[in-house]
N, C-alpha and C. Protein backbone atom coordinates (compact mmCIF):
# COMPACT_ATOMS: atom_id res chain seq x y z
N MET A 1 -15.93 -16.96 18.17
CA MET A 1 -16.72 -17.66 17.17
C MET A 1 -17.48 -16.63 16.32
N ALA A 2 -17.43 -16.81 15.02
CA ALA A 2 -18.06 -15.86 14.12
C ALA A 2 -19.58 -16.03 14.13
N SER A 3 -20.27 -14.91 13.99
CA SER A 3 -21.73 -14.97 13.90
C SER A 3 -22.12 -15.42 12.49
N HIS A 4 -23.33 -15.97 12.37
CA HIS A 4 -23.79 -16.46 11.08
C HIS A 4 -25.15 -15.88 10.75
N ASN A 5 -25.37 -15.66 9.48
CA ASN A 5 -26.63 -15.17 8.95
C ASN A 5 -26.78 -15.87 7.61
N THR A 6 -27.91 -16.46 7.31
CA THR A 6 -28.08 -17.17 6.04
C THR A 6 -29.34 -16.72 5.33
N ASP A 7 -29.38 -17.00 4.04
CA ASP A 7 -30.55 -16.73 3.21
C ASP A 7 -30.85 -18.03 2.46
N ALA A 8 -31.99 -18.63 2.70
CA ALA A 8 -32.34 -19.92 2.11
C ALA A 8 -32.38 -19.91 0.59
N ASN A 9 -32.54 -18.73 -0.01
CA ASN A 9 -32.60 -18.63 -1.46
C ASN A 9 -31.26 -18.32 -2.12
N CYS A 10 -30.23 -18.11 -1.32
CA CYS A 10 -28.92 -17.71 -1.84
C CYS A 10 -28.11 -18.92 -2.28
N ILE A 11 -27.59 -18.88 -3.51
CA ILE A 11 -26.81 -20.00 -4.03
C ILE A 11 -25.54 -20.23 -3.19
N PHE A 12 -24.90 -19.16 -2.71
CA PHE A 12 -23.70 -19.35 -1.91
C PHE A 12 -24.03 -19.91 -0.53
N CYS A 13 -25.13 -19.50 0.05
CA CYS A 13 -25.56 -20.09 1.34
C CYS A 13 -25.85 -21.58 1.15
N LYS A 14 -26.43 -21.95 0.01
CA LYS A 14 -26.69 -23.37 -0.29
C LYS A 14 -25.39 -24.14 -0.45
N ILE A 15 -24.38 -23.52 -1.05
CA ILE A 15 -23.07 -24.17 -1.19
C ILE A 15 -22.44 -24.37 0.19
N ILE A 16 -22.48 -23.34 1.02
CA ILE A 16 -21.92 -23.44 2.38
C ILE A 16 -22.61 -24.57 3.15
N LYS A 17 -23.92 -24.66 3.02
CA LYS A 17 -24.71 -25.68 3.73
C LYS A 17 -24.45 -27.08 3.19
N GLY A 18 -23.96 -27.19 1.96
CA GLY A 18 -23.72 -28.49 1.34
C GLY A 18 -24.85 -28.96 0.46
N ASP A 19 -25.85 -28.12 0.25
CA ASP A 19 -26.98 -28.48 -0.61
C ASP A 19 -26.58 -28.47 -2.09
N ILE A 20 -25.58 -27.69 -2.42
CA ILE A 20 -25.03 -27.64 -3.77
C ILE A 20 -23.56 -28.02 -3.65
N PRO A 21 -23.10 -28.99 -4.44
CA PRO A 21 -21.70 -29.40 -4.32
C PRO A 21 -20.73 -28.32 -4.81
N SER A 22 -19.53 -28.36 -4.25
CA SER A 22 -18.49 -27.42 -4.67
C SER A 22 -17.13 -28.09 -4.53
N PHE A 23 -16.14 -27.53 -5.18
CA PHE A 23 -14.76 -27.96 -5.02
C PHE A 23 -14.15 -27.11 -3.92
N LYS A 24 -14.46 -27.49 -2.67
CA LYS A 24 -14.06 -26.72 -1.49
C LYS A 24 -12.55 -26.73 -1.33
N LEU A 25 -12.01 -25.55 -1.07
CA LEU A 25 -10.57 -25.39 -0.80
C LEU A 25 -10.32 -25.25 0.69
N ILE A 26 -11.01 -24.33 1.32
CA ILE A 26 -10.82 -24.03 2.75
C ILE A 26 -12.19 -23.76 3.36
N GLU A 27 -12.38 -24.28 4.58
CA GLU A 27 -13.57 -23.92 5.34
C GLU A 27 -13.15 -23.70 6.78
N THR A 28 -13.56 -22.55 7.32
CA THR A 28 -13.33 -22.24 8.72
C THR A 28 -14.68 -21.88 9.33
N ASP A 29 -14.67 -21.45 10.56
CA ASP A 29 -15.92 -21.04 11.20
C ASP A 29 -16.56 -19.85 10.50
N ALA A 30 -15.74 -18.98 9.91
CA ALA A 30 -16.26 -17.74 9.33
C ALA A 30 -16.21 -17.68 7.81
N VAL A 31 -15.43 -18.55 7.18
CA VAL A 31 -15.15 -18.41 5.75
C VAL A 31 -15.29 -19.75 5.02
N TYR A 32 -15.72 -19.66 3.77
CA TYR A 32 -15.81 -20.83 2.89
C TYR A 32 -15.18 -20.44 1.56
N SER A 33 -14.33 -21.32 1.02
CA SER A 33 -13.67 -21.03 -0.24
C SER A 33 -13.77 -22.24 -1.16
N PHE A 34 -13.95 -21.96 -2.44
CA PHE A 34 -14.11 -23.04 -3.42
C PHE A 34 -13.70 -22.54 -4.80
N LEU A 35 -13.44 -23.50 -5.70
CA LEU A 35 -13.08 -23.14 -7.07
C LEU A 35 -14.31 -22.67 -7.82
N ASP A 36 -14.13 -21.63 -8.63
CA ASP A 36 -15.21 -21.07 -9.45
C ASP A 36 -15.49 -22.02 -10.61
N ILE A 37 -16.77 -22.34 -10.88
CA ILE A 37 -17.11 -23.24 -11.98
C ILE A 37 -17.19 -22.51 -13.33
N GLY A 38 -17.01 -21.20 -13.31
CA GLY A 38 -16.93 -20.40 -14.53
C GLY A 38 -15.64 -19.61 -14.49
N PRO A 39 -14.49 -20.30 -14.43
CA PRO A 39 -13.21 -19.61 -14.17
C PRO A 39 -12.72 -18.72 -15.30
N LEU A 40 -12.04 -17.65 -14.92
CA LEU A 40 -11.35 -16.80 -15.89
C LEU A 40 -9.97 -17.37 -16.19
N SER A 41 -9.45 -18.20 -15.29
CA SER A 41 -8.18 -18.88 -15.48
C SER A 41 -8.14 -20.08 -14.54
N LYS A 42 -7.19 -20.97 -14.77
CA LYS A 42 -7.02 -22.14 -13.91
C LYS A 42 -6.74 -21.66 -12.49
N GLY A 43 -7.47 -22.18 -11.52
CA GLY A 43 -7.27 -21.81 -10.12
C GLY A 43 -8.16 -20.69 -9.62
N HIS A 44 -9.00 -20.12 -10.49
CA HIS A 44 -9.91 -19.04 -10.10
C HIS A 44 -10.76 -19.56 -8.93
N ALA A 45 -10.64 -18.90 -7.78
CA ALA A 45 -11.32 -19.34 -6.57
C ALA A 45 -12.20 -18.22 -6.02
N LEU A 46 -13.19 -18.61 -5.25
CA LEU A 46 -14.05 -17.68 -4.55
C LEU A 46 -13.84 -17.85 -3.05
N VAL A 47 -13.83 -16.75 -2.34
CA VAL A 47 -13.76 -16.77 -0.88
C VAL A 47 -14.95 -15.97 -0.40
N ILE A 48 -15.79 -16.61 0.43
CA ILE A 48 -17.02 -15.97 0.88
C ILE A 48 -17.15 -16.06 2.40
N PRO A 49 -17.72 -15.04 3.00
CA PRO A 49 -18.02 -15.17 4.43
C PRO A 49 -19.21 -16.11 4.61
N LYS A 50 -19.22 -16.82 5.71
CA LYS A 50 -20.38 -17.66 6.01
C LYS A 50 -21.56 -16.81 6.46
N TYR A 51 -21.31 -15.58 6.74
CA TYR A 51 -22.35 -14.62 7.09
C TYR A 51 -22.93 -14.07 5.79
N HIS A 52 -24.23 -14.30 5.55
CA HIS A 52 -24.86 -13.78 4.34
C HIS A 52 -25.00 -12.27 4.43
N ALA A 53 -24.37 -11.59 3.51
CA ALA A 53 -24.46 -10.13 3.43
C ALA A 53 -24.37 -9.76 1.96
N PRO A 54 -25.27 -8.91 1.49
CA PRO A 54 -25.24 -8.53 0.08
C PRO A 54 -24.00 -7.73 -0.33
N LYS A 55 -23.50 -6.87 0.54
CA LYS A 55 -22.38 -6.00 0.18
C LYS A 55 -21.34 -6.00 1.29
N LEU A 56 -20.14 -5.60 0.93
CA LEU A 56 -19.01 -5.63 1.87
C LEU A 56 -19.31 -4.88 3.16
N HIS A 57 -19.94 -3.72 3.05
CA HIS A 57 -20.20 -2.93 4.25
C HIS A 57 -21.25 -3.56 5.16
N ASP A 58 -21.89 -4.65 4.70
CA ASP A 58 -22.85 -5.39 5.52
C ASP A 58 -22.22 -6.55 6.30
N VAL A 59 -20.96 -6.85 6.01
CA VAL A 59 -20.27 -7.97 6.65
C VAL A 59 -19.70 -7.53 8.00
N PRO A 60 -19.97 -8.28 9.06
CA PRO A 60 -19.37 -7.93 10.36
C PRO A 60 -17.84 -7.97 10.28
N ASP A 61 -17.21 -7.04 10.98
CA ASP A 61 -15.75 -6.93 10.95
C ASP A 61 -15.04 -8.23 11.30
N GLU A 62 -15.65 -9.04 12.17
CA GLU A 62 -15.01 -10.26 12.63
C GLU A 62 -14.71 -11.25 11.49
N HIS A 63 -15.35 -11.10 10.35
CA HIS A 63 -15.13 -11.99 9.20
C HIS A 63 -14.04 -11.49 8.26
N LEU A 64 -13.79 -10.21 8.26
CA LEU A 64 -12.97 -9.61 7.21
C LEU A 64 -11.52 -10.05 7.23
N GLY A 65 -10.90 -10.11 8.39
CA GLY A 65 -9.50 -10.53 8.46
C GLY A 65 -9.31 -11.95 7.99
N GLU A 66 -10.23 -12.82 8.32
CA GLU A 66 -10.12 -14.22 7.92
C GLU A 66 -10.30 -14.38 6.41
N ILE A 67 -11.11 -13.52 5.82
CA ILE A 67 -11.27 -13.56 4.36
C ILE A 67 -9.93 -13.25 3.69
N LEU A 68 -9.28 -12.19 4.12
CA LEU A 68 -8.00 -11.80 3.52
C LEU A 68 -6.93 -12.86 3.75
N ALA A 69 -6.88 -13.42 4.95
CA ALA A 69 -5.91 -14.48 5.24
C ALA A 69 -6.16 -15.70 4.35
N THR A 70 -7.42 -16.02 4.07
CA THR A 70 -7.76 -17.16 3.21
C THR A 70 -7.33 -16.90 1.78
N LEU A 71 -7.55 -15.69 1.29
CA LEU A 71 -7.09 -15.33 -0.06
C LEU A 71 -5.58 -15.52 -0.18
N LYS A 72 -4.85 -15.10 0.82
CA LYS A 72 -3.39 -15.25 0.81
C LYS A 72 -3.00 -16.73 0.80
N LYS A 73 -3.64 -17.54 1.63
CA LYS A 73 -3.33 -18.98 1.68
C LYS A 73 -3.53 -19.64 0.32
N ILE A 74 -4.60 -19.28 -0.36
CA ILE A 74 -4.89 -19.87 -1.67
C ILE A 74 -3.83 -19.46 -2.68
N ALA A 75 -3.46 -18.18 -2.70
CA ALA A 75 -2.43 -17.72 -3.63
C ALA A 75 -1.11 -18.45 -3.38
N VAL A 76 -0.74 -18.60 -2.12
CA VAL A 76 0.51 -19.29 -1.77
C VAL A 76 0.42 -20.76 -2.18
N ALA A 77 -0.69 -21.42 -1.88
CA ALA A 77 -0.85 -22.84 -2.22
C ALA A 77 -0.80 -23.07 -3.72
N GLN A 78 -1.33 -22.13 -4.49
CA GLN A 78 -1.33 -22.27 -5.94
C GLN A 78 0.01 -21.90 -6.55
N GLY A 79 0.84 -21.21 -5.78
CA GLY A 79 2.15 -20.81 -6.29
C GLY A 79 2.09 -19.77 -7.39
N VAL A 80 1.06 -18.94 -7.37
CA VAL A 80 0.92 -17.93 -8.42
C VAL A 80 1.66 -16.66 -8.04
N GLU A 81 2.33 -16.07 -9.01
CA GLU A 81 3.05 -14.82 -8.79
C GLU A 81 2.21 -13.61 -9.17
N ASN A 82 1.33 -13.80 -10.13
CA ASN A 82 0.49 -12.71 -10.63
C ASN A 82 -0.97 -13.11 -10.50
N TYR A 83 -1.74 -12.27 -9.84
CA TYR A 83 -3.15 -12.58 -9.64
C TYR A 83 -3.90 -11.30 -9.27
N ASN A 84 -5.22 -11.37 -9.43
CA ASN A 84 -6.09 -10.27 -9.03
C ASN A 84 -7.01 -10.74 -7.92
N ILE A 85 -7.28 -9.85 -6.99
CA ILE A 85 -8.31 -10.06 -5.98
C ILE A 85 -9.42 -9.08 -6.36
N LEU A 86 -10.60 -9.60 -6.61
CA LEU A 86 -11.71 -8.77 -7.09
C LEU A 86 -12.92 -8.96 -6.19
N GLN A 87 -13.57 -7.86 -5.85
CA GLN A 87 -14.78 -7.92 -5.05
C GLN A 87 -15.70 -6.80 -5.53
N ASN A 88 -16.90 -7.16 -5.98
CA ASN A 88 -17.86 -6.20 -6.53
C ASN A 88 -19.03 -6.00 -5.57
N ASN A 89 -19.57 -4.79 -5.54
CA ASN A 89 -20.71 -4.46 -4.68
C ASN A 89 -21.81 -3.79 -5.49
N GLY A 90 -22.89 -4.51 -5.71
CA GLY A 90 -24.02 -3.96 -6.44
C GLY A 90 -24.03 -4.36 -7.91
N LYS A 91 -25.22 -4.42 -8.46
CA LYS A 91 -25.38 -4.89 -9.84
C LYS A 91 -24.62 -4.03 -10.85
N ILE A 92 -24.67 -2.70 -10.71
CA ILE A 92 -23.98 -1.88 -11.71
C ILE A 92 -22.46 -1.93 -11.53
N ALA A 93 -22.01 -2.51 -10.43
CA ALA A 93 -20.57 -2.74 -10.22
C ALA A 93 -20.22 -4.19 -10.57
N HIS A 94 -21.11 -4.87 -11.30
CA HIS A 94 -20.90 -6.22 -11.83
C HIS A 94 -21.04 -7.34 -10.80
N GLN A 95 -21.72 -7.09 -9.69
CA GLN A 95 -21.98 -8.16 -8.73
C GLN A 95 -23.16 -8.98 -9.24
N VAL A 96 -22.96 -10.29 -9.39
CA VAL A 96 -24.00 -11.17 -9.92
C VAL A 96 -24.75 -11.87 -8.79
N VAL A 97 -24.03 -12.37 -7.79
CA VAL A 97 -24.66 -13.06 -6.65
C VAL A 97 -24.69 -12.09 -5.48
N ASP A 98 -25.86 -11.91 -4.88
CA ASP A 98 -26.03 -10.97 -3.77
C ASP A 98 -25.58 -11.55 -2.44
N HIS A 99 -24.37 -12.05 -2.42
CA HIS A 99 -23.69 -12.54 -1.21
C HIS A 99 -22.23 -12.13 -1.42
N VAL A 100 -21.68 -11.38 -0.51
CA VAL A 100 -20.31 -10.89 -0.67
C VAL A 100 -19.40 -12.04 -1.04
N HIS A 101 -18.57 -11.82 -2.04
CA HIS A 101 -17.60 -12.82 -2.43
C HIS A 101 -16.39 -12.15 -3.06
N PHE A 102 -15.26 -12.76 -2.81
CA PHE A 102 -13.99 -12.29 -3.34
C PHE A 102 -13.48 -13.31 -4.35
N HIS A 103 -13.04 -12.82 -5.49
CA HIS A 103 -12.44 -13.67 -6.51
C HIS A 103 -10.92 -13.61 -6.35
N MET A 104 -10.27 -14.75 -6.35
CA MET A 104 -8.81 -14.82 -6.44
C MET A 104 -8.55 -15.40 -7.82
N ILE A 105 -8.07 -14.53 -8.73
CA ILE A 105 -7.97 -14.90 -10.14
C ILE A 105 -6.50 -14.90 -10.57
N PRO A 106 -5.91 -16.08 -10.75
CA PRO A 106 -4.54 -16.14 -11.24
C PRO A 106 -4.42 -15.51 -12.63
N LYS A 107 -3.32 -14.84 -12.88
CA LYS A 107 -3.03 -14.25 -14.20
C LYS A 107 -1.76 -14.93 -14.70
N PRO A 108 -1.91 -16.08 -15.38
CA PRO A 108 -0.74 -16.89 -15.74
C PRO A 108 0.12 -16.35 -16.88
N SER A 109 -0.44 -15.45 -17.69
CA SER A 109 0.34 -14.94 -18.82
C SER A 109 -0.05 -13.51 -19.13
N ASP A 110 0.78 -12.88 -19.91
CA ASP A 110 0.58 -11.48 -20.29
C ASP A 110 -0.29 -11.39 -21.54
N THR A 111 -1.45 -12.04 -21.49
CA THR A 111 -2.39 -11.99 -22.61
C THR A 111 -3.78 -11.72 -22.06
N ASP A 112 -4.68 -11.42 -22.96
CA ASP A 112 -6.07 -11.23 -22.57
C ASP A 112 -6.88 -12.51 -22.74
N LYS A 113 -6.18 -13.66 -22.91
CA LYS A 113 -6.87 -14.93 -23.12
C LYS A 113 -7.26 -15.61 -21.82
N GLU A 114 -6.60 -15.28 -20.71
CA GLU A 114 -6.98 -15.85 -19.43
C GLU A 114 -6.66 -14.89 -18.31
N GLY A 115 -7.38 -15.06 -17.21
CA GLY A 115 -7.24 -14.13 -16.10
C GLY A 115 -8.17 -12.95 -16.28
N LEU A 116 -8.10 -12.02 -15.35
CA LEU A 116 -8.96 -10.85 -15.39
C LEU A 116 -8.50 -9.88 -16.48
N VAL A 117 -9.44 -9.41 -17.27
CA VAL A 117 -9.17 -8.43 -18.32
C VAL A 117 -10.03 -7.21 -18.00
N ILE A 118 -9.39 -6.08 -17.73
CA ILE A 118 -10.14 -4.89 -17.34
C ILE A 118 -9.62 -3.66 -18.05
N GLY A 119 -10.47 -2.67 -18.09
CA GLY A 119 -10.04 -1.34 -18.49
C GLY A 119 -9.90 -0.51 -17.22
N TRP A 120 -9.14 0.54 -17.28
CA TRP A 120 -8.95 1.40 -16.12
C TRP A 120 -9.10 2.84 -16.60
N PRO A 121 -10.34 3.32 -16.65
CA PRO A 121 -10.58 4.64 -17.23
C PRO A 121 -10.21 5.79 -16.28
N ALA A 122 -8.93 5.87 -15.95
CA ALA A 122 -8.45 6.91 -15.02
C ALA A 122 -8.65 8.30 -15.62
N GLN A 123 -8.95 9.25 -14.76
CA GLN A 123 -9.15 10.62 -15.18
C GLN A 123 -8.29 11.53 -14.30
N GLN A 124 -7.93 12.66 -14.81
CA GLN A 124 -7.19 13.63 -14.00
C GLN A 124 -8.15 14.28 -13.02
N ALA A 125 -7.84 14.22 -11.75
CA ALA A 125 -8.71 14.79 -10.72
C ALA A 125 -8.59 16.30 -10.67
N ASN A 126 -9.71 16.96 -10.40
CA ASN A 126 -9.71 18.38 -10.10
C ASN A 126 -9.29 18.49 -8.64
N MET A 127 -8.15 19.10 -8.36
CA MET A 127 -7.57 19.08 -7.02
C MET A 127 -8.46 19.79 -5.99
N ASP A 128 -9.17 20.85 -6.39
CA ASP A 128 -10.07 21.52 -5.46
C ASP A 128 -11.24 20.61 -5.09
N GLU A 129 -11.81 19.93 -6.09
CA GLU A 129 -12.91 19.00 -5.83
C GLU A 129 -12.43 17.81 -5.00
N LEU A 130 -11.23 17.33 -5.30
CA LEU A 130 -10.66 16.20 -4.57
C LEU A 130 -10.45 16.57 -3.10
N LYS A 131 -9.94 17.78 -2.85
CA LYS A 131 -9.72 18.22 -1.47
C LYS A 131 -11.04 18.33 -0.73
N LYS A 132 -12.06 18.89 -1.38
CA LYS A 132 -13.37 19.04 -0.75
C LYS A 132 -13.95 17.67 -0.40
N TYR A 133 -13.85 16.72 -1.32
CA TYR A 133 -14.36 15.36 -1.07
C TYR A 133 -13.56 14.68 0.04
N TRP A 134 -12.26 14.86 0.04
CA TRP A 134 -11.38 14.30 1.08
C TRP A 134 -11.79 14.81 2.45
N GLU A 135 -12.03 16.11 2.56
CA GLU A 135 -12.44 16.69 3.84
C GLU A 135 -13.78 16.11 4.30
N GLU A 136 -14.70 15.94 3.37
CA GLU A 136 -16.02 15.39 3.69
C GLU A 136 -15.92 13.96 4.22
N VAL A 137 -15.19 13.12 3.51
CA VAL A 137 -15.07 11.71 3.89
C VAL A 137 -14.22 11.56 5.15
N LYS A 138 -13.13 12.29 5.20
CA LYS A 138 -12.26 12.19 6.37
C LYS A 138 -13.01 12.55 7.65
N GLY A 139 -13.91 13.53 7.56
CA GLY A 139 -14.70 13.92 8.72
C GLY A 139 -15.65 12.84 9.19
N LYS A 140 -15.99 11.89 8.33
CA LYS A 140 -16.90 10.79 8.70
C LYS A 140 -16.13 9.56 9.20
N LEU A 141 -14.83 9.56 9.01
CA LEU A 141 -14.04 8.41 9.46
C LEU A 141 -13.70 8.59 10.88
């Protein structure tokens, strides 16, 4: 059984509790999923742990597998071939609600009119700096 943590002021905790209505898709002991009321495309859904945590690294591991399985179930049920899974951590990373949430955003067409529209400002890595950072992080894993 998954552990629970709630925040009485959190809009997502209120949705999980039923204080705010939602178009619920899936609910399990650890996960709650519903349609986004500000969708980027038809079928845009949110999947959230029932454990209130501001950022992904705050979520107990026991919730994470069920979140991913729920995202897959929604994509299969919707029959979408192209979609984005998006999860932001922190305000400058575009997180609006301080409760971990994953967006499953269908991309129905090759236009910028619906679905996720992003830039990808890739840069060429300095291989010496990349190796140094790799060694640092790998040593902490």
